[in-house]
PDB file of N, CA and C in Angstrom:
ATOM      1  N   UNK A   1     -19.519 -34.099  16.319  1.00  0.00           N
ATOM      2  CA  UNK A   1     -19.147 -35.214  17.178  1.00  0.00           C
ATOM      3  C   UNK A   1     -19.146 -36.504  16.363  1.00  0.00           C
ATOM      4  N   UNK A   2     -18.147 -37.305  16.552  1.00  0.00           N
ATOM      5  CA  UNK A   2     -18.033 -38.596  15.906  1.00  0.00           C
ATOM      6  C   UNK A   2     -18.560 -39.667  16.851  1.00  0.00           C
ATOM      7  N   UNK A   3     -19.225 -40.669  16.295  1.00  0.00           N
ATOM      8  CA  UNK A   3     -19.708 -41.783  17.107  1.00  0.00           C
ATOM      9  C   UNK A   3     -18.689 -42.904  17.112  1.00  0.00           C
ATOM     10  N   UNK A   4     -18.631 -43.581  18.219  1.00  0.00           N
ATOM     11  CA  UNK A   4     -17.761 -44.742  18.368  1.00  0.00           C
ATOM     12  C   UNK A   4     -18.227 -45.849  17.430  1.00  0.00           C
ATOM     13  N   UNK A   5     -17.310 -46.466  16.727  1.00  0.00           N
ATOM     14  CA  UNK A   5     -17.623 -47.576  15.831  1.00  0.00           C
ATOM     15  C   UNK A   5     -17.569 -48.864  16.650  1.00  0.00           C
ATOM     16  N   UNK A   6     -18.698 -49.569  16.727  1.00  0.00           N
ATOM     17  CA  UNK A   6     -18.759 -50.817  17.491  1.00  0.00           C
ATOM     18  C   UNK A   6     -18.931 -52.048  16.602  1.00  0.00           C
ATOM     19  N   UNK A   7     -19.067 -51.830  15.309  1.00  0.00           N
ATOM     20  CA  UNK A   7     -19.144 -52.948  14.375  1.00  0.00           C
ATOM     21  C   UNK A   7     -17.719 -53.317  13.950  1.00  0.00           C
ATOM     22  N   UNK A   8     -17.491 -54.559  13.499  1.00  0.00           N
ATOM     23  CA  UNK A   8     -16.145 -54.960  13.086  1.00  0.00           C
ATOM     24  C   UNK A   8     -15.558 -53.960  12.087  1.00  0.00           C
ATOM     25  N   UNK A   9     -14.328 -53.510  12.364  1.00  0.00           N
ATOM     26  CA  UNK A   9     -13.732 -52.447  11.553  1.00  0.00           C
ATOM     27  C   UNK A   9     -12.210 -52.574  11.452  1.00  0.00           C
ATOM     28  N   UNK A  10     -11.669 -53.753  11.733  1.00  0.00           N
ATOM     29  CA  UNK A  10     -10.219 -53.950  11.703  1.00  0.00           C
ATOM     30  C   UNK A  10      -9.863 -54.801  10.491  1.00  0.00           C
ATOM     31  N   UNK A  11      -9.041 -54.261   9.621  1.00  0.00           N
ATOM     32  CA  UNK A  11      -8.559 -55.050   8.490  1.00  0.00           C
ATOM     33  C   UNK A  11      -7.699 -56.198   9.010  1.00  0.00           C
ATOM     34  N   UNK A  12      -7.930 -57.394   8.480  1.00  0.00           N
ATOM     35  CA  UNK A  12      -7.160 -58.576   8.878  1.00  0.00           C
ATOM     36  C   UNK A  12      -7.135 -58.717  10.406  1.00  0.00           C
ATOM     37  N   UNK A  13      -8.329 -58.731  10.988  1.00  0.00           N
ATOM     38  CA  UNK A  13      -8.479 -58.773  12.439  1.00  0.00           C
ATOM     39  C   UNK A  13      -7.762 -59.968  13.070  1.00  0.00           C
ATOM     40  N   UNK A  14      -7.812 -61.121  12.418  1.00  0.00           N
ATOM     41  CA  UNK A  14      -7.139 -62.301  12.966  1.00  0.00           C
ATOM     42  C   UNK A  14      -5.630 -62.098  13.046  1.00  0.00           C
ATOM     43  N   UNK A  15      -5.064 -61.419  12.051  1.00  0.00           N
ATOM     44  CA  UNK A  15      -3.629 -61.127  12.074  1.00  0.00           C
ATOM     45  C   UNK A  15      -3.288 -60.189  13.219  1.00  0.00           C
ATOM     46  N   UNK A  16      -4.137 -59.185  13.442  1.00  0.00           N
ATOM     47  CA  UNK A  16      -3.896 -58.267  14.552  1.00  0.00           C
ATOM     48  C   UNK A  16      -3.985 -58.995  15.884  1.00  0.00           C
ATOM     49  N   UNK A  17      -4.978 -59.863  16.027  1.00  0.00           N
ATOM     50  CA  UNK A  17      -5.133 -60.613  17.274  1.00  0.00           C
ATOM     51  C   UNK A  17      -3.898 -61.477  17.536  1.00  0.00           C
ATOM     52  N   UNK A  18      -3.398 -62.129  16.506  1.00  0.00           N
ATOM     53  CA  UNK A  18      -2.192 -62.949  16.650  1.00  0.00           C
ATOM     54  C   UNK A  18      -0.995 -62.076  17.049  1.00  0.00           C
ATOM     55  N   UNK A  19      -0.880 -60.900  16.461  1.00  0.00           N
ATOM     56  CA  UNK A  19       0.207 -59.977  16.794  1.00  0.00           C
ATOM     57  C   UNK A  19       0.095 -59.503  18.242  1.00  0.00           C
ATOM     58  N   UNK A  20      -1.131 -59.238  18.674  1.00  0.00           N
ATOM     59  CA  UNK A  20      -1.362 -58.816  20.057  1.00  0.00           C
ATOM     60  C   UNK A  20      -0.974 -59.920  21.033  1.00  0.00           C
ATOM     61  N   UNK A  21      -1.379 -61.142  20.742  1.00  0.00           N
ATOM     62  CA  UNK A  21      -1.005 -62.267  21.602  1.00  0.00           C
ATOM     63  C   UNK A  21       0.510 -62.451  21.631  1.00  0.00           C
ATOM     64  N   UNK A  22       1.152 -62.315  20.486  1.00  0.00           N
ATOM     65  CA  UNK A  22       2.605 -62.478  20.411  1.00  0.00           C
ATOM     66  C   UNK A  22       3.313 -61.407  21.239  1.00  0.00           C
ATOM     67  N   UNK A  23       2.766 -60.197  21.273  1.00  0.00           N
ATOM     68  CA  UNK A  23       3.377 -59.120  22.051  1.00  0.00           C
ATOM     69  C   UNK A  23       3.349 -59.430  23.544  1.00  0.00           C
ATOM     70  N   UNK A  24       2.382 -60.233  23.971  1.00  0.00           N
ATOM     71  CA  UNK A  24       2.235 -60.590  25.388  1.00  0.00           C
ATOM     72  C   UNK A  24       2.989 -61.869  25.762  1.00  0.00           C
ATOM     73  N   UNK A  25       3.424 -62.592  24.759  1.00  0.00           N
ATOM     74  CA  UNK A  25       4.076 -63.883  25.011  1.00  0.00           C
ATOM     75  C   UNK A  25       5.311 -63.711  25.892  1.00  0.00           C
ATOM     76  N   UNK A  26       5.373 -64.500  26.940  1.00  0.00           N
ATOM     77  CA  UNK A  26       6.521 -64.506  27.826  1.00  0.00           C
ATOM     78  C   UNK A  26       6.527 -63.398  28.874  1.00  0.00           C
ATOM     79  N   UNK A  27       5.528 -62.532  28.858  1.00  0.00           N
ATOM     80  CA  UNK A  27       5.477 -61.442  29.832  1.00  0.00           C
ATOM     81  C   UNK A  27       4.845 -61.924  31.133  1.00  0.00           C
ATOM     82  N   UNK A  28       5.278 -61.336  32.222  1.00  0.00           N
ATOM     83  CA  UNK A  28       4.618 -61.580  33.499  1.00  0.00           C
ATOM     84  C   UNK A  28       3.246 -60.898  33.460  1.00  0.00           C
ATOM     85  N   UNK A  29       2.398 -61.213  34.428  1.00  0.00           N
ATOM     86  CA  UNK A  29       1.079 -60.576  34.510  1.00  0.00           C
ATOM     87  C   UNK A  29       1.230 -59.061  34.628  1.00  0.00           C
ATOM     88  N   UNK A  30       2.141 -58.612  35.467  1.00  0.00           N
ATOM     89  CA  UNK A  30       2.349 -57.168  35.632  1.00  0.00           C
ATOM     90  C   UNK A  30       2.827 -56.508  34.339  1.00  0.00           C
ATOM     91  N   UNK A  31       3.767 -57.151  33.648  1.00  0.00           N
ATOM     92  CA  UNK A  31       4.274 -56.590  32.391  1.00  0.00           C
ATOM     93  C   UNK A  31       3.197 -56.613  31.305  1.00  0.00           C
ATOM     94  N   UNK A  32       2.379 -57.663  31.291  1.00  0.00           N
ATOM     95  CA  UNK A  32       1.283 -57.756  30.343  1.00  0.00           C
ATOM     96  C   UNK A  32       0.252 -56.657  30.603  1.00  0.00           C
ATOM     97  N   UNK A  33      -0.068 -56.444  31.873  1.00  0.00           N
ATOM     98  CA  UNK A  33      -1.003 -55.370  32.231  1.00  0.00           C
ATOM     99  C   UNK A  33      -0.439 -54.008  31.831  1.00  0.00           C
ATOM    100  N   UNK A  34       0.855 -53.807  32.036  1.00  0.00           N
ATOM    101  CA  UNK A  34       1.490 -52.541  31.669  1.00  0.00           C
ATOM    102  C   UNK A  34       1.471 -52.338  30.154  1.00  0.00           C
ATOM    103  N   UNK A  35       1.705 -53.399  29.394  1.00  0.00           N
ATOM    104  CA  UNK A  35       1.627 -53.315  27.936  1.00  0.00           C
ATOM    105  C   UNK A  35       0.225 -52.912  27.509  1.00  0.00           C
ATOM    106  N   UNK A  36      -0.789 -53.534  28.107  1.00  0.00           N
ATOM    107  CA  UNK A  36      -2.172 -53.175  27.776  1.00  0.00           C
ATOM    108  C   UNK A  36      -2.457 -51.718  28.094  1.00  0.00           C
ATOM    109  N   UNK A  37      -1.989 -51.250  29.234  1.00  0.00           N
ATOM    110  CA  UNK A  37      -2.222 -49.852  29.620  1.00  0.00           C
ATOM    111  C   UNK A  37      -1.555 -48.899  28.636  1.00  0.00           C
ATOM    112  N   UNK A  38      -0.318 -49.206  28.248  1.00  0.00           N
ATOM    113  CA  UNK A  38       0.377 -48.342  27.276  1.00  0.00           C
ATOM    114  C   UNK A  38      -0.345 -48.362  25.931  1.00  0.00           C
ATOM    115  N   UNK A  39      -0.810 -49.535  25.513  1.00  0.00           N
ATOM    116  CA  UNK A  39      -1.529 -49.641  24.241  1.00  0.00           C
ATOM    117  C   UNK A  39      -2.810 -48.821  24.274  1.00  0.00           C
ATOM    118  N   UNK A  40      -3.549 -48.893  25.378  1.00  0.00           N
ATOM    119  CA  UNK A  40      -4.773 -48.098  25.511  1.00  0.00           C
ATOM    120  C   UNK A  40      -4.453 -46.608  25.385  1.00  0.00           C
ATOM    121  N   UNK A  41      -3.410 -46.160  26.063  1.00  0.00           N
ATOM    122  CA  UNK A  41      -3.055 -44.738  26.007  1.00  0.00           C
ATOM    123  C   UNK A  41      -2.585 -44.309  24.619  1.00  0.00           C
ATOM    124  N   UNK A  42      -1.817 -45.150  23.953  1.00  0.00           N
ATOM    125  CA  UNK A  42      -1.373 -44.842  22.587  1.00  0.00           C
ATOM    126  C   UNK A  42      -2.577 -44.732  21.654  1.00  0.00           C
ATOM    127  N   UNK A  43      -3.494 -45.687  21.741  1.00  0.00           N
ATOM    128  CA  UNK A  43      -4.674 -45.661  20.870  1.00  0.00           C
ATOM    129  C   UNK A  43      -5.610 -44.509  21.227  1.00  0.00           C
ATOM    130  N   UNK A  44      -5.755 -44.213  22.524  1.00  0.00           N
ATOM    131  CA  UNK A  44      -6.584 -43.080  22.939  1.00  0.00           C
ATOM    132  C   UNK A  44      -6.008 -41.779  22.394  1.00  0.00           C
ATOM    133  N   UNK A  45      -4.695 -41.641  22.443  1.00  0.00           N
ATOM    134  CA  UNK A  45      -4.058 -40.458  21.885  1.00  0.00           C
ATOM    135  C   UNK A  45      -4.301 -40.363  20.380  1.00  0.00           C
ATOM    136  N   UNK A  46      -4.243 -41.500  19.700  1.00  0.00           N
ATOM    137  CA  UNK A  46      -4.488 -41.508  18.254  1.00  0.00           C
ATOM    138  C   UNK A  46      -5.918 -41.080  17.942  1.00  0.00           C
ATOM    139  N   UNK A  47      -6.876 -41.586  18.715  1.00  0.00           N
ATOM    140  CA  UNK A  47      -8.283 -41.217  18.506  1.00  0.00           C
ATOM    141  C   UNK A  47      -8.468 -39.735  18.802  1.00  0.00           C
ATOM    142  N   UNK A  48      -7.992 -39.313  19.957  1.00  0.00           N
ATOM    143  CA  UNK A  48      -7.981 -37.902  20.293  1.00  0.00           C
ATOM    144  C   UNK A  48      -9.317 -37.270  20.656  1.00  0.00           C
ATOM    145  N   UNK A  49     -10.400 -37.750  20.139  1.00  0.00           N
ATOM    146  CA  UNK A  49     -11.731 -37.173  20.344  1.00  0.00           C
ATOM    147  C   UNK A  49     -12.273 -37.600  21.709  1.00  0.00           C
ATOM    148  N   UNK A  50     -12.399 -36.639  22.646  1.00  0.00           N
ATOM    149  CA  UNK A  50     -12.822 -36.950  24.006  1.00  0.00           C
ATOM    150  C   UNK A  50     -14.214 -37.575  24.056  1.00  0.00           C
ATOM    151  N   UNK A  51     -15.114 -37.158  23.182  1.00  0.00           N
ATOM    152  CA  UNK A  51     -16.456 -37.748  23.173  1.00  0.00           C
ATOM    153  C   UNK A  51     -16.389 -39.227  22.784  1.00  0.00           C
ATOM    154  N   UNK A  52     -15.606 -39.538  21.786  1.00  0.00           N
ATOM    155  CA  UNK A  52     -15.445 -40.932  21.359  1.00  0.00           C
ATOM    156  C   UNK A  52     -14.785 -41.743  22.467  1.00  0.00           C
ATOM    157  N   UNK A  53     -13.792 -41.172  23.122  1.00  0.00           N
ATOM    158  CA  UNK A  53     -13.127 -41.880  24.212  1.00  0.00           C
ATOM    159  C   UNK A  53     -14.095 -42.140  25.367  1.00  0.00           C
ATOM    160  N   UNK A  54     -14.966 -41.187  25.670  1.00  0.00           N
ATOM    161  CA  UNK A  54     -15.979 -41.402  26.710  1.00  0.00           C
ATOM    162  C   UNK A  54     -16.948 -42.493  26.306  1.00  0.00           C
ATOM    163  N   UNK A  55     -17.342 -42.505  25.036  1.00  0.00           N
ATOM    164  CA  UNK A  55     -18.225 -43.565  24.538  1.00  0.00           C
ATOM    165  C   UNK A  55     -17.540 -44.926  24.669  1.00  0.00           C
ATOM    166  N   UNK A  56     -16.256 -44.981  24.377  1.00  0.00           N
ATOM    167  CA  UNK A  56     -15.511 -46.228  24.463  1.00  0.00           C
ATOM    168  C   UNK A  56     -15.441 -46.724  25.899  1.00  0.00           C
ATOM    169  N   UNK A  57     -15.205 -45.830  26.836  1.00  0.00           N
ATOM    170  CA  UNK A  57     -15.181 -46.221  28.250  1.00  0.00           C
ATOM    171  C   UNK A  57     -16.522 -46.802  28.677  1.00  0.00           C
ATOM    172  N   UNK A  58     -17.599 -46.139  28.288  1.00  0.00           N
ATOM    173  CA  UNK A  58     -18.932 -46.624  28.637  1.00  0.00           C
ATOM    174  C   UNK A  58     -19.200 -47.989  27.998  1.00  0.00           C
ATOM    175  N   UNK A  59     -18.787 -48.174  26.748  1.00  0.00           N
ATOM    176  CA  UNK A  59     -19.001 -49.449  26.056  1.00  0.00           C
ATOM    177  C   UNK A  59     -18.207 -50.563  26.736  1.00  0.00           C
ATOM    178  N   UNK A  60     -17.012 -50.251  27.189  1.00  0.00           N
ATOM    179  CA  UNK A  60     -16.160 -51.254  27.833  1.00  0.00           C
ATOM    180  C   UNK A  60     -16.660 -51.640  29.215  1.00  0.00           C
ATOM    181  N   UNK A  61     -17.395 -50.757  29.868  1.00  0.00           N
ATOM    182  CA  UNK A  61     -17.911 -51.034  31.205  1.00  0.00           C
ATOM    183  C   UNK A  61     -19.078 -52.017  31.188  1.00  0.00           C
ATOM    184  N   UNK A  62     -19.727 -52.178  30.070  1.00  0.00           N
ATOM    185  CA  UNK A  62     -20.916 -53.052  29.973  1.00  0.00           C
ATOM    186  C   UNK A  62     -20.561 -54.489  30.132  1.00  0.00           C
TER     187      UNK A  62
END
Protein backbone atom coordinates (compact mmCIF):
# COMPACT_ATOMS: atom_id res chain seq x y z
CA UNK A 1 0.00 0.00 0.00
CA UNK A 2 1.22 3.47 -0.87
CA UNK A 3 0.64 6.39 1.48
CA UNK A 4 -0.81 9.66 0.32
CA UNK A 5 1.82 12.39 0.02
CA UNK A 6 0.68 15.47 1.96
CA UNK A 7 3.94 17.41 1.93
CA UNK A 8 4.67 19.82 -0.96
CA UNK A 9 5.46 17.67 -4.00
CA UNK A 10 4.64 19.71 -7.13
CA UNK A 11 7.48 20.94 -9.30
CA UNK A 12 7.04 24.66 -10.05
CA UNK A 13 3.88 24.76 -7.94
CA UNK A 14 3.31 28.47 -8.60
CA UNK A 15 3.32 27.84 -12.35
CA UNK A 16 0.78 25.05 -11.94
CA UNK A 17 -1.44 27.27 -9.79
CA UNK A 18 -1.32 30.01 -12.43
CA UNK A 19 -2.19 27.46 -15.13
CA UNK A 20 -5.10 26.18 -13.05
CA UNK A 21 -6.45 29.70 -12.54
CA UNK A 22 -6.07 30.43 -16.25
CA UNK A 23 -8.06 27.29 -17.11
CA UNK A 24 -10.96 28.68 -15.04
CA UNK A 25 -10.77 32.20 -16.42
CA UNK A 26 -14.01 33.30 -18.04
CA UNK A 27 -15.94 30.18 -17.02
CA UNK A 28 -19.31 30.30 -15.34
CA UNK A 29 -19.58 28.79 -11.84
CA UNK A 30 -21.19 25.67 -13.31
CA UNK A 31 -18.50 25.29 -15.98
CA UNK A 32 -15.77 25.90 -13.40
CA UNK A 33 -17.26 23.25 -11.12
CA UNK A 34 -17.46 20.83 -14.05
CA UNK A 35 -13.80 21.49 -14.92
CA UNK A 36 -12.82 20.75 -11.32
CA UNK A 37 -14.83 17.52 -11.34
CA UNK A 38 -13.23 16.36 -14.59
CA UNK A 39 -9.76 17.24 -13.26
CA UNK A 40 -10.39 15.25 -10.07
CA UNK A 41 -11.48 12.22 -12.10
CA UNK A 42 -8.52 12.47 -14.48
CA UNK A 43 -6.06 12.70 -11.58
CA UNK A 44 -7.83 9.93 -9.64
CA UNK A 45 -7.54 7.70 -12.69
CA UNK A 46 -3.84 8.55 -12.96
CA UNK A 47 -3.27 7.67 -9.29
CA UNK A 48 -5.31 4.51 -9.65
CA UNK A 49 -4.58 3.20 -6.13
CA UNK A 50 -7.92 2.94 -4.28
CA UNK A 51 -6.25 3.13 -0.86
CA UNK A 52 -4.49 6.37 -1.78
CA UNK A 53 -7.71 7.76 -3.23
CA UNK A 54 -9.55 6.93 0.02
CA UNK A 55 -6.79 8.64 2.00
CA UNK A 56 -7.14 11.69 -0.24
CA UNK A 57 -10.89 11.86 0.30
CA UNK A 58 -10.42 11.69 4.06
CA UNK A 59 -7.70 14.38 3.95
CA UNK A 60 -9.93 16.66 1.88
CA UNK A 61 -12.84 16.29 4.30
CA UNK A 62 -10.84 17.77 7.21
